[in-house]
Protein backbone atom coordinates (compact mmCIF):
# COMPACT_ATOMS: atom_id res chain seq x y z
CA MET A 1 0.08 0.25 -0.03
CA THR A 2 1.35 3.43 -0.95
CA LEU A 3 0.90 6.13 1.67
CA PRO A 4 -0.34 9.51 0.53
CA PHE A 5 2.27 11.27 2.46
CA ASP A 6 6.18 10.79 3.48
CA LEU A 7 8.07 11.90 6.59
CA ARG A 8 9.38 15.17 5.00
CA ALA A 9 5.78 16.29 4.24
CA LEU A 10 4.81 15.54 7.51
CA ARG A 11 7.58 17.37 9.32
CA VAL A 12 6.75 20.42 7.07
CA PHE A 13 2.93 20.12 7.90
CA LEU A 14 3.89 20.04 11.64
CA THR A 15 6.04 23.00 11.35
CA VAL A 16 3.28 25.11 9.71
CA ALA A 17 0.97 24.06 12.30
CA GLU A 18 3.26 24.71 15.32
CA GLN A 19 4.70 28.15 13.85
CA GLY A 20 1.23 29.39 12.83
CA GLY A 21 1.92 30.31 9.24
CA PHE A 22 3.97 29.33 6.08
CA SER A 23 6.33 32.30 6.22
CA ALA A 24 7.34 31.33 9.75
CA ALA A 25 7.65 27.68 9.08
CA ALA A 26 9.79 28.39 6.19
CA ARG A 27 12.21 30.25 8.36
CA GLU A 28 12.12 27.37 10.73
CA LEU A 29 12.88 24.87 8.04
CA HIS A 30 15.51 27.29 6.02
CA VAL A 31 13.66 26.71 2.85
CA ALA A 32 11.71 28.94 0.64
CA GLN A 33 7.98 29.93 1.55
CA SER A 34 6.73 28.79 -1.95
CA ALA A 35 8.40 25.11 -1.22
CA VAL A 36 6.48 25.11 2.06
CA SER A 37 3.13 26.20 0.52
CA GLN A 38 3.83 23.44 -2.59
CA THR A 39 4.27 20.79 0.06
CA ILE A 40 1.13 21.49 1.90
CA ALA A 41 -0.64 22.01 -1.45
CA ASN A 42 0.31 18.48 -2.61
CA LEU A 43 -0.36 16.79 0.82
CA GLU A 44 -3.89 18.18 0.94
CA LYS A 45 -4.18 17.11 -2.96
CA ARG A 46 -3.11 13.40 -1.91
CA LEU A 47 -5.17 13.20 1.02
CA GLU A 48 -8.04 14.93 -0.74
CA LEU A 49 -8.59 16.97 2.49
CA THR A 50 -8.19 20.79 3.53
CA LEU A 51 -5.62 20.73 6.37
CA PHE A 52 -5.54 24.43 7.07
CA HIS A 53 -7.94 27.44 7.26
CA ARG A 54 -6.65 30.47 5.19
CA HIS A 55 -7.28 33.73 6.90
CA GLU A 56 -6.04 36.91 5.44
CA ARG A 57 -3.25 37.07 7.99
CA ARG A 58 -3.11 33.67 9.90
CA ILE A 59 -3.89 30.22 9.26
CA SER A 60 -5.58 27.64 11.53
CA LEU A 61 -5.94 23.92 11.56
CA THR A 62 -9.30 22.42 10.17
CA PRO A 63 -10.67 19.31 12.17
CA GLU A 64 -9.15 16.97 9.70
CA GLY A 65 -5.62 18.70 9.97
CA GLU A 66 -5.85 18.49 13.86
CA THR A 67 -6.55 14.72 13.33
CA LEU A 68 -3.23 14.56 11.22
CA ARG A 69 -1.16 16.60 13.62
CA GLN A 70 -1.80 14.17 16.51
CA HIS A 71 -0.82 11.23 14.10
CA ALA A 72 2.00 13.17 12.61
CA ARG A 73 3.72 13.98 15.76
CA GLU A 74 3.56 10.22 16.97
CA LEU A 75 4.90 8.88 13.39
CA LEU A 76 7.64 11.38 13.37
CA GLU A 77 8.70 10.48 16.98
CA ARG A 78 8.71 6.62 16.40
CA ALA A 79 10.65 7.47 12.98
CA HIS A 80 13.23 9.18 15.03
CA ALA A 81 13.63 6.57 17.63
CA ALA A 82 13.76 3.81 14.76
CA HIS A 83 16.67 5.61 13.05
CA LEU A 84 18.57 6.25 16.19
CA ALA A 85 18.12 2.73 17.14
CA MET A 86 19.75 1.67 13.86
CA LEU A 87 22.50 4.11 14.20
CA GLU A 88 23.48 2.85 17.34
CA LEU A 89 23.76 -0.68 16.04
CA HIS A 90 26.41 0.64 14.02
CA GLY A 91 28.06 2.57 17.07
CA LEU A 92 27.63 5.90 14.78
CA VAL A 93 25.69 7.95 17.46
CA LYS A 94 27.26 9.50 20.64
CA GLY A 95 24.09 10.24 21.92
CA GLU A 96 21.71 12.99 23.29
CA VAL A 97 19.59 13.35 26.35
CA ARG A 98 16.81 15.87 26.51
CA ILE A 99 15.66 16.07 30.10
CA GLY A 100 13.20 18.54 31.79
CA ILE A 101 13.85 19.40 35.67
CA PRO A 102 11.66 21.61 38.14
CA SER A 103 13.55 24.66 39.22
CA MET A 104 14.31 23.61 42.48
CA LEU A 105 15.73 20.39 41.72
CA GLY A 106 17.76 21.86 38.71
CA SER A 107 19.57 24.50 41.07
CA TYR A 108 20.21 22.34 43.94
CA TYR A 109 19.98 18.58 43.43
CA PHE A 110 20.90 17.91 39.80
CA PRO A 111 24.09 19.93 39.02
CA PRO A 112 26.36 17.14 40.62
CA LEU A 113 24.36 14.51 38.83
CA LEU A 114 24.76 16.22 35.44
CA MET A 115 28.26 16.99 35.85
CA GLY A 116 29.07 13.38 36.99
CA PHE A 117 27.08 12.05 34.24
CA LYS A 118 29.13 14.25 31.64
CA ALA A 119 32.61 13.34 33.12
CA ARG A 120 31.61 9.41 32.61
CA HIS A 121 30.14 10.06 29.05
CA PRO A 122 31.73 12.91 27.64
CA GLY A 123 30.42 12.17 24.22
CA ILE A 124 26.70 12.59 25.14
CA ARG A 125 25.10 15.91 24.84
CA LEU A 126 22.53 17.08 27.57
CA THR A 127 19.86 19.49 26.82
CA VAL A 128 18.27 20.47 30.20
CA VAL A 129 14.86 22.48 30.12
CA GLU A 130 13.37 24.01 33.45
CA ALA A 131 9.61 24.06 33.74
CA GLY A 132 6.72 23.22 36.06
CA THR A 133 6.00 19.49 36.49
CA ARG A 134 2.78 19.75 34.56
CA ARG A 135 4.35 21.34 31.55
CA LEU A 136 7.16 18.83 31.82
CA GLN A 137 4.61 15.82 31.54
CA ARG A 138 3.22 17.53 28.80
CA MET A 139 6.41 17.91 26.74
CA ILE A 140 7.08 14.20 27.72
CA HIS A 141 3.97 12.91 26.25
CA GLU A 142 4.40 15.17 23.13
CA GLY A 143 7.91 14.01 22.42
CA GLU A 144 9.57 17.17 23.32
CA LEU A 145 11.48 15.54 25.87
CA ASP A 146 13.14 12.23 26.64
CA LEU A 147 12.84 12.25 30.22
CA GLY A 148 11.49 14.56 33.02
CA VAL A 149 11.40 14.65 36.79
CA VAL A 150 7.97 14.21 38.22
CA ILE A 151 6.17 13.86 41.42
CA ALA A 152 4.73 10.39 42.01
CA ASP A 153 1.07 11.11 41.79
CA THR A 154 -2.08 10.20 39.82
CA SER A 155 -1.46 12.68 37.15
CA SER A 156 1.94 10.77 36.22
CA GLN A 157 0.38 7.45 35.74
CA GLY A 158 0.58 7.53 31.94
CA LEU A 159 4.29 7.64 32.30
CA GLU A 160 6.84 5.08 32.91
CA ARG A 161 8.60 6.09 36.26
CA ARG A 162 11.81 5.12 38.35
CA HIS A 163 11.85 6.71 41.91
CA PHE A 164 15.25 8.18 42.97
CA LEU A 165 14.71 10.50 45.66
CA SER A 166 12.59 11.40 48.77
CA GLU A 167 12.84 14.78 50.28
CA GLU A 168 11.25 16.73 52.93
CA MET A 169 9.22 19.83 52.03
CA VAL A 170 9.64 22.55 54.84
CA VAL A 171 8.50 25.80 55.95
CA CYS A 172 10.77 28.51 55.13
CA VAL A 173 10.92 31.60 57.20
CA PRO A 174 13.42 34.53 58.23
CA VAL A 175 15.56 33.70 61.19
CA ASP A 176 13.81 36.07 63.31
CA HIS A 177 10.48 34.95 62.74
CA PRO A 178 8.77 32.89 65.58
CA PHE A 179 8.21 29.74 63.46
CA ALA A 180 12.25 29.74 63.50
CA GLN A 181 12.25 28.39 67.20
CA CYS A 182 9.88 25.58 66.67
CA GLU A 183 10.47 22.00 66.02
CA ALA A 184 7.49 22.01 63.67
CA VAL A 185 4.81 24.01 62.30
CA SER A 186 1.08 22.63 61.80
CA ALA A 187 -0.80 23.56 58.61
CA GLU A 188 -3.02 25.70 60.41
CA ARG A 189 -0.41 27.90 61.83
CA PHE A 190 1.31 27.89 58.37
CA PHE A 191 -1.99 29.02 56.63
CA ARG A 192 -2.30 32.08 59.07
CA GLU A 193 0.76 33.74 57.47
CA PRO A 194 1.16 35.51 54.08
CA LEU A 195 2.39 33.17 51.57
CA VAL A 196 5.02 33.49 48.72
CA LEU A 197 4.29 30.88 46.24
CA PHE A 198 5.18 29.53 43.04
CA GLN A 199 2.43 29.79 40.13
CA ASP A 200 0.14 26.91 39.21
CA GLY A 201 1.70 24.01 37.65
CA TYR A 202 4.86 23.60 39.62
CA PHE A 203 4.96 20.67 42.40
CA HIS A 204 5.75 23.50 44.93
CA ARG A 205 2.42 25.38 44.49
CA GLU A 206 0.69 21.77 43.86
CA PHE A 207 1.91 20.76 47.26
CA VAL A 208 0.52 23.88 49.25
CA ASP A 209 -2.80 23.61 47.20
CA ALA A 210 -3.23 19.79 48.27
CA LEU A 211 -2.18 20.78 52.08
CA ALA A 212 -4.85 23.50 51.93
CA GLN A 213 -7.45 21.21 50.60
CA LYS A 214 -6.63 18.45 52.95
CA THR A 215 -6.74 20.38 56.11
CA GLY A 216 -9.59 22.90 55.03
CA HIS A 217 -7.46 25.84 55.18
CA THR A 218 -7.28 28.78 52.30
CA ALA A 219 -3.75 30.08 51.33
CA ASP A 220 -3.33 34.00 51.80
CA ILE A 221 -1.21 34.30 48.62
CA ALA A 222 0.80 37.74 48.95
CA PHE A 223 3.34 37.03 46.30
CA GLN A 224 3.67 34.74 43.30
CA SER A 225 6.95 34.02 41.63
CA ASN A 226 8.57 31.11 40.12
CA LEU A 227 12.05 32.68 40.74
CA ILE A 228 13.79 31.09 43.72
CA PRO A 229 16.24 34.21 44.60
CA LEU A 230 13.24 36.51 44.34
CA THR A 231 11.20 34.29 46.68
CA LYS A 232 14.03 34.05 49.16
CA ALA A 233 14.40 37.79 49.11
CA ILE A 234 10.85 38.50 49.84
CA VAL A 235 11.10 35.97 52.73
CA ARG A 236 14.18 37.47 54.10
CA GLN A 237 12.45 40.96 54.04
CA GLY A 238 9.43 39.52 56.21
CA PHE A 239 7.01 40.15 53.49
CA GLY A 240 5.72 36.39 53.70
CA ILE A 241 6.93 32.85 54.15
CA THR A 242 7.20 30.15 51.91
CA THR A 243 7.88 26.34 51.61
CA PHE A 244 10.98 24.56 49.91
CA LEU A 245 12.71 21.41 49.65
CA ARG A 246 15.03 21.34 52.81
CA ARG A 247 18.28 21.77 50.80
CA VAL A 248 17.08 24.89 49.24
CA VAL A 249 17.01 26.75 52.33
CA ASP A 250 20.72 27.16 52.52
CA GLU A 251 21.15 31.02 53.75
CA PRO A 252 22.01 32.00 57.38
CA ALA A 253 19.11 34.67 57.17
CA LEU A 254 16.34 31.74 56.49
CA ALA A 255 15.38 28.89 58.65
CA ALA A 256 14.02 25.61 57.71
CA VAL A 257 11.38 24.22 60.03
CA SER A 258 9.31 20.85 59.46
CA PHE A 259 5.82 20.49 59.01
CA ALA A 260 3.59 18.80 61.60
CA PRO A 261 3.52 16.07 60.45
CA ALA A 262 6.40 15.93 58.31
CA ALA A 263 5.91 16.18 54.55
CA TRP A 264 7.84 14.20 52.15
CA LEU A 265 7.75 14.09 48.34
CA ASP A 266 8.74 11.08 46.08
CA LEU A 267 10.47 12.26 43.12
CA SER A 268 10.92 10.07 39.94
CA LEU A 269 12.48 10.14 36.66
CA ALA A 270 9.87 9.57 33.98
CA TRP A 271 9.39 9.02 30.20
CA ALA A 272 6.52 8.14 27.85
CA ARG A 273 5.28 4.78 28.60
CA GLY A 274 6.06 2.20 25.83
CA SER A 275 8.66 4.59 24.20
CA TYR A 276 12.11 3.55 23.32
CA LEU A 277 14.97 4.67 25.28
CA SER A 278 18.20 5.02 23.41
CA ARG A 279 21.47 3.82 24.84
CA ALA A 280 22.30 7.37 25.93
CA GLU A 281 18.98 7.82 27.72
CA GLN A 282 18.96 4.42 29.43
CA ALA A 283 22.66 5.27 30.59
CA PHE A 284 21.43 8.60 32.21
CA VAL A 285 18.61 6.66 33.84
CA ASP A 286 21.19 4.17 35.19
CA PHE A 287 23.43 6.88 36.37
CA VAL A 288 20.83 8.84 38.49
CA LEU A 289 19.45 5.62 40.18
CA GLU A 290 23.10 4.64 40.94
CA ASN A 291 23.98 7.89 42.46
CA SER A 292 20.52 9.04 43.95
CA GLU A 293 21.90 8.04 47.51
CA ALA A 294 24.47 10.72 47.32
CA LEU A 295 22.20 13.44 46.73
């Protein structure tokens, strides 16, 4: 059976859909706009379907185009995995790992792992993306990342996971705050304070939201910021308190105090269930699991 498209046409189609226009896609692909337009026209002719609505200044996918986009992304990812697997059989690929890491882990936990892995495998290229855990999960599902660090909860059930670290979430306050002298702080006392929190989609924020729901309290959010240095500065100046993984509270002016009861998060490396892990990706997973006790 002859297919009505090839991988090159699918790649052009996806680029047009993601860039939102033929000119932008042409720039992204480093080809002439006429070549992009012709490829899409030929694809629509062979499929006997209209894939894009042409507006005066923009384009949008038709329902048929949206269906093709879902299948095209999967086909291209599978083709990439097959190509990589074949090249590896010949020893021609040094390897690449695209990994997504939440900001707290990327700044305070993963640098030794990344440097240690690079020292052991200098030929493997590492691409690290920082984002919230929910966005990382979407990027894994859509093939934009090979691996990501996620929290072990119900939203990550569609992923293959390997647990590598359990870490305590603590209350972070200035050293002159009354909580700094406590052995532990209850959720009730925590939620009486103005809070400095990450935005939605980060495990830091989801932890606080889940704690509020579980204990029947409402968070008094004074500031929202995904920037750890800014959050620490706000806490130091006494404009609010926050919660971090214990290792993140590493300044003399700040104190880390356990929740009562203590709160722990289970962190896992994850990838799309059923996807192919290249030798480079598998080597990274193995390295993290072997060295997680040193974190």
